Amino acid sequence: MIYRLRTRCLSLLVALAVDTLLGDPPNSWHPVVLLGRWIGLGERLAPQGARGRLAWGAIWLGLGAGGAGALAGLAPQHPLAQGALASILLAYRGLDRAVGEVHAALACDDLAEARRLLGWHLVSRPTSELRADEVAAAAIESLAENLSDSLVAPLLAYLAGGLPGLAVYRLSNTADAMWGYHSERYEYLGKPAARLDDLLNLAPARLTAALIALAAQLVNRRGAAAWAVAWRDHARTASPNAGWPMAAMAGALDTALEKRDHYRLGNGRQVADVAMVGEARAIARIAMLIISAVLVTAGAASS
């Protein structure tokens, strides 16, 4: 058990380094794209009727999880190989780059391009009529939420279940992203994926909020405020998990993050702007460094 913890910590340090230096591979052979094709095939084969689609969603998700986990289990066990493969299922650099593109467009006062990039990379909501402050706030929200989905949750999945556990998590997260909507088309088909994703993200979302609070304390001395807002406002979102990191970031930045007709997190005095997006990115970077330090410490302690 101690040896396993040490090697998994080492593998994750390799994964973080590879992701930071190289980022995502081309989409044509990215594992998440392949998982998305599996989910898309399941939708095309799904039966009609609520009960049939509910059962099919669970069956297809289970088959995909079993297959993804089995394939991942065939990978070489050397920490360098494991880390290189695990890096492909992380997305911190891609997340920071996507937020950075919106950040750069706002810095150039190109609101139309910032709206386009926000809708292309980060959010599914309509962006064509968002004000500049709403674009900045949405980018910050997405950064906070995806810090959990793209970094913290995959790392915890790997620590708990190795590369198979990470593959299963990424399948669940992809299925929820594609099917997890309250609409006639997806209400029943996507329910198993949505519930599994909620379960798998219970711990990561709360840990991410704590990481944001700790990082904020180092960046701007607002760690206590970040945690207080997360504790108070986390339940305001429809998701049982997304509110934790987003509310923590709202508190960390002394602002309010709002999605029209859905939620408002925080009641800070500052209006979201281009400088605040930069500060949010700095907090996320410090959170990533804290994770790296924890992995080094845990690995050393178990040797």
Protein backbone atom coordinates (compact mmCIF):
# COMPACT_ATOMS: atom_id res chain seq x y z
CA MET A 1 0.00 0.00 0.00
CA ILE A 2 2.81 2.43 0.94
CA TYR A 3 4.75 1.53 -2.22
CA ARG A 4 1.61 2.03 -4.31
CA LEU A 5 1.02 5.47 -2.82
CA ARG A 6 4.62 6.47 -3.47
CA THR A 7 4.58 5.33 -7.09
CA ARG A 8 1.20 6.94 -7.77
CA CYS A 9 2.39 10.25 -6.32
CA LEU A 10 5.46 10.06 -8.55
CA SER A 11 3.32 9.22 -11.58
CA LEU A 12 1.07 12.20 -10.89
CA LEU A 13 4.04 14.54 -10.59
CA VAL A 14 5.17 13.30 -13.98
CA ALA A 15 1.64 13.78 -15.32
CA LEU A 16 1.46 17.36 -14.06
CA ALA A 17 4.86 18.15 -15.56
CA VAL A 18 3.96 16.65 -18.95
CA ASP A 19 0.58 18.40 -19.02
CA THR A 20 2.17 21.73 -18.08
CA LEU A 21 4.94 21.44 -20.67
CA LEU A 22 3.13 19.77 -23.56
CA GLY A 23 -0.61 20.13 -23.02
CA ASP A 24 -3.19 18.01 -24.82
CA PRO A 25 -2.41 15.76 -27.80
CA PRO A 26 -4.22 16.33 -31.12
CA ASN A 27 -7.97 15.77 -31.03
CA SER A 28 -7.79 13.04 -33.66
CA TRP A 29 -6.40 10.57 -31.14
CA HIS A 30 -7.16 12.19 -27.81
CA PRO A 31 -8.69 9.59 -25.41
CA VAL A 32 -11.44 11.97 -24.33
CA VAL A 33 -12.46 12.41 -27.96
CA LEU A 34 -12.59 8.63 -28.31
CA LEU A 35 -14.69 8.41 -25.15
CA GLY A 36 -16.97 11.06 -26.63
CA ARG A 37 -17.43 8.95 -29.73
CA TRP A 38 -18.45 6.03 -27.54
CA ILE A 39 -21.01 8.19 -25.79
CA GLY A 40 -22.25 9.50 -29.14
CA LEU A 41 -22.66 5.96 -30.45
CA GLY A 42 -24.67 5.07 -27.36
CA GLU A 43 -27.04 7.94 -28.04
CA ARG A 44 -27.60 6.83 -31.63
CA LEU A 45 -28.40 3.28 -30.49
CA ALA A 46 -30.60 4.30 -27.55
CA PRO A 47 -34.23 3.11 -27.56
CA GLN A 48 -37.26 5.33 -27.20
CA GLY A 49 -39.29 5.68 -24.02
CA ALA A 50 -38.27 6.95 -20.61
CA ARG A 51 -37.62 3.59 -18.95
CA GLY A 52 -35.76 2.20 -21.93
CA ARG A 53 -33.51 5.25 -22.21
CA LEU A 54 -32.84 5.27 -18.47
CA ALA A 55 -31.79 1.60 -18.53
CA TRP A 56 -29.81 2.05 -21.73
CA GLY A 57 -27.93 5.03 -20.29
CA ALA A 58 -26.85 2.95 -17.30
CA ILE A 59 -25.92 -0.08 -19.42
CA TRP A 60 -23.94 1.92 -21.97
CA LEU A 61 -22.15 3.83 -19.24
CA GLY A 62 -21.28 0.59 -17.45
CA LEU A 63 -19.98 -1.04 -20.63
CA GLY A 64 -17.87 2.01 -21.39
CA ALA A 65 -16.49 2.19 -17.86
CA GLY A 66 -15.60 -1.49 -17.90
CA GLY A 67 -13.92 -1.22 -21.28
CA ALA A 68 -12.03 1.99 -20.49
CA GLY A 69 -10.83 0.61 -17.16
CA ALA A 70 -9.74 -2.68 -18.72
CA LEU A 71 -7.78 -0.96 -21.49
CA ALA A 72 -6.12 1.40 -19.01
CA GLY A 73 -5.15 -1.59 -16.88
CA LEU A 74 -3.04 -2.92 -19.78
CA ALA A 75 -0.71 0.08 -19.69
CA PRO A 76 2.91 -0.33 -18.48
CA GLN A 77 3.20 0.12 -14.75
CA HIS A 78 6.42 2.15 -14.71
CA PRO A 79 5.76 5.56 -13.10
CA LEU A 80 7.08 7.44 -16.14
CA ALA A 81 4.76 5.56 -18.49
CA GLN A 82 1.84 5.89 -16.10
CA GLY A 83 2.49 9.60 -15.68
CA ALA A 84 2.74 10.22 -19.41
CA LEU A 85 -0.55 8.42 -20.02
CA ALA A 86 -2.28 10.06 -17.06
CA SER A 87 -1.25 13.50 -18.34
CA ILE A 88 -3.44 12.98 -21.41
CA LEU A 89 -6.48 12.75 -19.12
CA LEU A 90 -5.62 15.95 -17.27
CA ALA A 91 -6.46 19.31 -18.75
CA TYR A 92 -4.98 22.06 -16.57
CA ARG A 93 -2.85 23.61 -19.31
CA GLY A 94 -5.73 23.44 -21.78
CA LEU A 95 -8.05 25.06 -19.23
CA ASP A 96 -5.61 27.87 -18.44
CA ARG A 97 -4.96 28.43 -22.15
CA ALA A 98 -8.69 28.65 -22.90
CA VAL A 99 -9.27 31.15 -20.09
CA GLY A 100 -6.12 32.97 -21.18
CA GLU A 101 -7.51 33.47 -24.69
CA VAL A 102 -10.65 35.09 -23.28
CA HIS A 103 -8.43 37.12 -20.95
CA ALA A 104 -6.31 38.37 -23.88
CA ALA A 105 -9.36 39.32 -25.95
CA LEU A 106 -10.80 41.32 -23.05
CA ALA A 107 -7.44 43.00 -22.54
CA CYS A 108 -7.58 44.14 -26.19
CA ASP A 109 -11.15 45.42 -25.74
CA ASP A 110 -12.33 42.90 -28.33
CA LEU A 111 -15.63 41.96 -26.71
CA ALA A 112 -16.95 40.11 -29.76
CA GLU A 113 -13.91 37.84 -29.84
CA ALA A 114 -14.02 37.33 -26.07
CA ARG A 115 -17.66 36.26 -26.37
CA ARG A 116 -16.81 33.88 -29.21
CA LEU A 117 -13.90 32.30 -27.35
CA LEU A 118 -15.93 31.96 -24.17
CA GLY A 119 -18.68 30.10 -26.01
CA TRP A 120 -16.23 28.03 -28.03
CA HIS A 121 -14.00 26.86 -25.18
CA LEU A 122 -15.66 27.28 -21.81
CA VAL A 123 -19.45 27.54 -21.52
CA SER A 124 -22.55 26.15 -23.20
CA ARG A 125 -24.77 29.17 -22.46
CA PRO A 126 -25.44 31.81 -25.17
CA THR A 127 -22.70 34.44 -25.12
CA SER A 128 -23.60 36.85 -27.93
CA GLU A 129 -25.28 39.39 -25.66
CA LEU A 130 -23.07 39.18 -22.57
CA ARG A 131 -21.48 42.37 -21.28
CA ALA A 132 -17.73 42.51 -20.74
CA ASP A 133 -18.12 42.00 -16.99
CA GLU A 134 -20.38 38.99 -17.62
CA VAL A 135 -17.82 37.48 -19.98
CA ALA A 136 -15.10 37.96 -17.37
CA ALA A 137 -17.29 36.45 -14.64
CA ALA A 138 -18.22 33.45 -16.81
CA ALA A 139 -14.55 32.78 -17.58
CA ILE A 140 -13.74 32.92 -13.86
CA GLU A 141 -16.64 30.58 -13.03
CA SER A 142 -15.52 28.09 -15.66
CA LEU A 143 -11.93 28.22 -14.43
CA ALA A 144 -13.03 27.50 -10.86
CA GLU A 145 -15.45 24.70 -11.75
CA ASN A 146 -13.09 23.03 -14.19
CA LEU A 147 -10.20 23.25 -11.77
CA SER A 148 -12.10 20.48 -9.99
CA ASP A 149 -13.23 18.53 -13.07
CA SER A 150 -9.97 18.80 -15.03
CA LEU A 151 -7.35 18.63 -12.30
CA VAL A 152 -8.36 17.78 -8.74
CA ALA A 153 -10.91 15.06 -9.51
CA PRO A 154 -8.67 13.23 -12.03
CA LEU A 155 -5.77 13.32 -9.58
CA LEU A 156 -7.90 11.86 -6.79
CA ALA A 157 -9.29 9.23 -9.18
CA TYR A 158 -5.75 8.17 -10.05
CA LEU A 159 -4.67 8.04 -6.40
CA ALA A 160 -7.69 5.88 -5.59
CA GLY A 161 -7.77 3.59 -8.62
CA GLY A 162 -4.69 4.11 -10.72
CA LEU A 163 -5.00 4.63 -14.47
CA PRO A 164 -8.22 2.52 -14.65
CA GLY A 165 -9.82 4.72 -12.01
CA LEU A 166 -8.79 7.83 -13.92
CA ALA A 167 -10.20 6.43 -17.17
CA VAL A 168 -13.53 5.61 -15.52
CA TYR A 169 -13.73 9.11 -14.04
CA ARG A 170 -13.01 10.73 -17.40
CA LEU A 171 -15.68 8.59 -19.09
CA SER A 172 -18.25 9.57 -16.45
CA ASN A 173 -17.34 13.24 -16.76
CA THR A 174 -17.53 13.12 -20.56
CA ALA A 175 -20.88 11.34 -20.49
CA ASP A 176 -22.28 13.93 -18.10
CA ALA A 177 -21.00 16.75 -20.31
CA MET A 178 -22.72 15.23 -23.35
CA TRP A 179 -25.87 13.79 -21.81
CA GLY A 180 -26.41 15.60 -18.52
CA TYR A 181 -29.14 18.01 -19.59
CA HIS A 182 -32.72 18.46 -18.42
CA SER A 183 -34.35 18.13 -21.83
CA GLU A 184 -36.66 15.70 -23.53
CA ARG A 185 -33.71 14.25 -25.42
CA TYR A 186 -31.42 13.65 -22.44
CA GLU A 187 -33.52 13.69 -19.25
CA TYR A 188 -33.55 9.91 -18.84
CA LEU A 189 -30.65 8.85 -21.05
CA GLY A 190 -28.25 11.09 -19.15
CA LYS A 191 -29.54 10.55 -15.62
CA PRO A 192 -27.17 7.64 -14.74
CA ALA A 193 -24.16 9.59 -16.01
CA ALA A 194 -25.22 12.72 -14.14
CA ARG A 195 -25.71 10.84 -10.88
CA LEU A 196 -22.39 9.00 -11.20
CA ASP A 197 -20.57 12.22 -12.01
CA ASP A 198 -22.18 13.92 -8.99
CA LEU A 199 -20.99 11.06 -6.78
CA LEU A 200 -17.44 11.03 -8.13
CA ASN A 201 -17.12 14.79 -7.71
CA LEU A 202 -18.41 15.11 -4.15
CA ALA A 203 -14.96 15.06 -2.55
CA PRO A 204 -13.03 16.81 -5.37
CA ALA A 205 -15.37 19.82 -5.48
CA ARG A 206 -15.05 20.45 -1.77
CA LEU A 207 -11.31 19.89 -1.82
CA THR A 208 -11.02 22.32 -4.74
CA ALA A 209 -12.87 24.96 -2.73
CA ALA A 210 -10.40 24.45 0.11
CA LEU A 211 -7.47 24.67 -2.31
CA ILE A 212 -8.83 27.90 -3.79
CA ALA A 213 -9.18 29.33 -0.28
CA LEU A 214 -5.61 28.34 0.61
CA ALA A 215 -4.25 29.69 -2.67
CA ALA A 216 -6.20 32.92 -2.22
CA GLN A 217 -4.66 33.37 1.20
CA LEU A 218 -1.24 33.26 -0.43
CA VAL A 219 -2.21 35.52 -3.35
CA ASN A 220 -4.39 38.22 -1.77
CA ARG A 221 -5.03 37.27 1.87
CA ARG A 222 -8.69 36.41 1.22
CA GLY A 223 -8.59 32.73 2.15
CA ALA A 224 -11.06 33.05 5.03
CA ALA A 225 -13.49 35.01 2.87
CA ALA A 226 -13.22 32.44 0.09
CA TRP A 227 -14.12 29.58 2.40
CA ALA A 228 -16.91 31.55 4.10
CA VAL A 229 -18.60 32.29 0.77
CA ALA A 230 -18.15 28.68 -0.38
CA TRP A 231 -19.78 27.40 2.80
CA ARG A 232 -22.66 29.88 2.55
CA ASP A 233 -23.42 29.86 -1.19
CA HIS A 234 -22.41 26.42 -2.50
CA ALA A 235 -26.00 25.13 -2.57
CA ARG A 236 -27.28 27.90 -4.83
CA THR A 237 -26.38 26.03 -8.03
CA ALA A 238 -28.40 23.17 -9.47
CA SER A 239 -25.33 20.96 -9.29
CA PRO A 240 -24.46 19.65 -5.81
CA ASN A 241 -20.78 20.20 -6.57
CA ALA A 242 -20.18 23.11 -8.96
CA GLY A 243 -21.14 25.73 -6.40
CA TRP A 244 -18.25 24.89 -4.07
CA PRO A 245 -15.28 25.98 -6.19
CA MET A 246 -17.19 28.79 -7.94
CA ALA A 247 -18.39 30.30 -4.67
CA ALA A 248 -14.90 29.97 -3.20
CA MET A 249 -13.47 31.88 -6.17
CA ALA A 250 -16.16 34.57 -5.78
CA GLY A 251 -15.12 35.04 -2.17
CA ALA A 252 -11.44 34.97 -3.07
CA LEU A 253 -11.94 37.81 -5.56
CA ASP A 254 -14.42 39.86 -3.49
CA THR A 255 -16.98 39.72 -6.27
CA ALA A 256 -20.29 38.13 -7.24
CA LEU A 257 -20.44 35.46 -9.94
CA GLU A 258 -23.87 35.29 -11.53
CA LYS A 259 -25.57 33.28 -14.27
CA ARG A 260 -28.73 35.06 -15.34
CA ASP A 261 -31.89 33.45 -13.97
CA HIS A 262 -29.89 30.64 -12.35
CA TYR A 263 -27.67 31.68 -9.45
CA ARG A 264 -25.63 34.39 -7.80
CA LEU A 265 -22.58 33.40 -5.79
CA GLY A 266 -20.95 35.88 -3.46
CA ASN A 267 -21.83 39.50 -2.72
CA GLY A 268 -18.45 41.15 -3.12
CA ARG A 269 -17.85 44.78 -3.98
CA GLN A 270 -15.73 44.29 -7.10
CA VAL A 271 -17.14 43.97 -10.62
CA ALA A 272 -15.51 41.24 -12.70
CA ASP A 273 -13.06 42.63 -15.26
CA VAL A 274 -9.93 41.69 -17.16
CA ALA A 275 -7.67 42.21 -14.15
CA MET A 276 -9.84 39.90 -12.07
CA VAL A 277 -9.55 37.14 -14.68
CA GLY A 278 -5.78 37.44 -14.32
CA GLU A 279 -6.03 37.22 -10.54
CA ALA A 280 -8.25 34.13 -10.80
CA ARG A 281 -5.67 32.48 -13.07
CA ALA A 282 -2.95 33.29 -10.52
CA ILE A 283 -5.00 31.65 -7.75
CA ALA A 284 -5.49 28.55 -9.91
CA ARG A 285 -1.75 28.35 -10.61
CA ILE A 286 -0.95 28.56 -6.91
CA ALA A 287 -3.53 25.83 -6.25
CA MET A 288 -1.74 23.63 -8.78
CA LEU A 289 1.60 24.28 -7.07
CA ILE A 290 0.05 23.39 -3.69
CA ILE A 291 -1.13 20.09 -5.17
CA SER A 292 2.38 19.41 -6.47
CA ALA A 293 3.88 20.15 -3.06
CA VAL A 294 1.39 17.80 -1.39
CA LEU A 295 2.27 15.02 -3.84
CA VAL A 296 5.99 15.49 -3.20
CA THR A 297 5.42 15.43 0.56
CA ALA A 298 3.16 12.39 0.44
CA GLY A 299 5.56 10.54 -1.79
CA ALA A 300 8.50 11.33 0.43
CA ALA A 301 6.62 10.41 3.59
CA SER A 302 5.73 7.00 2.18
CA SER A 303 9.28 6.12 1.11
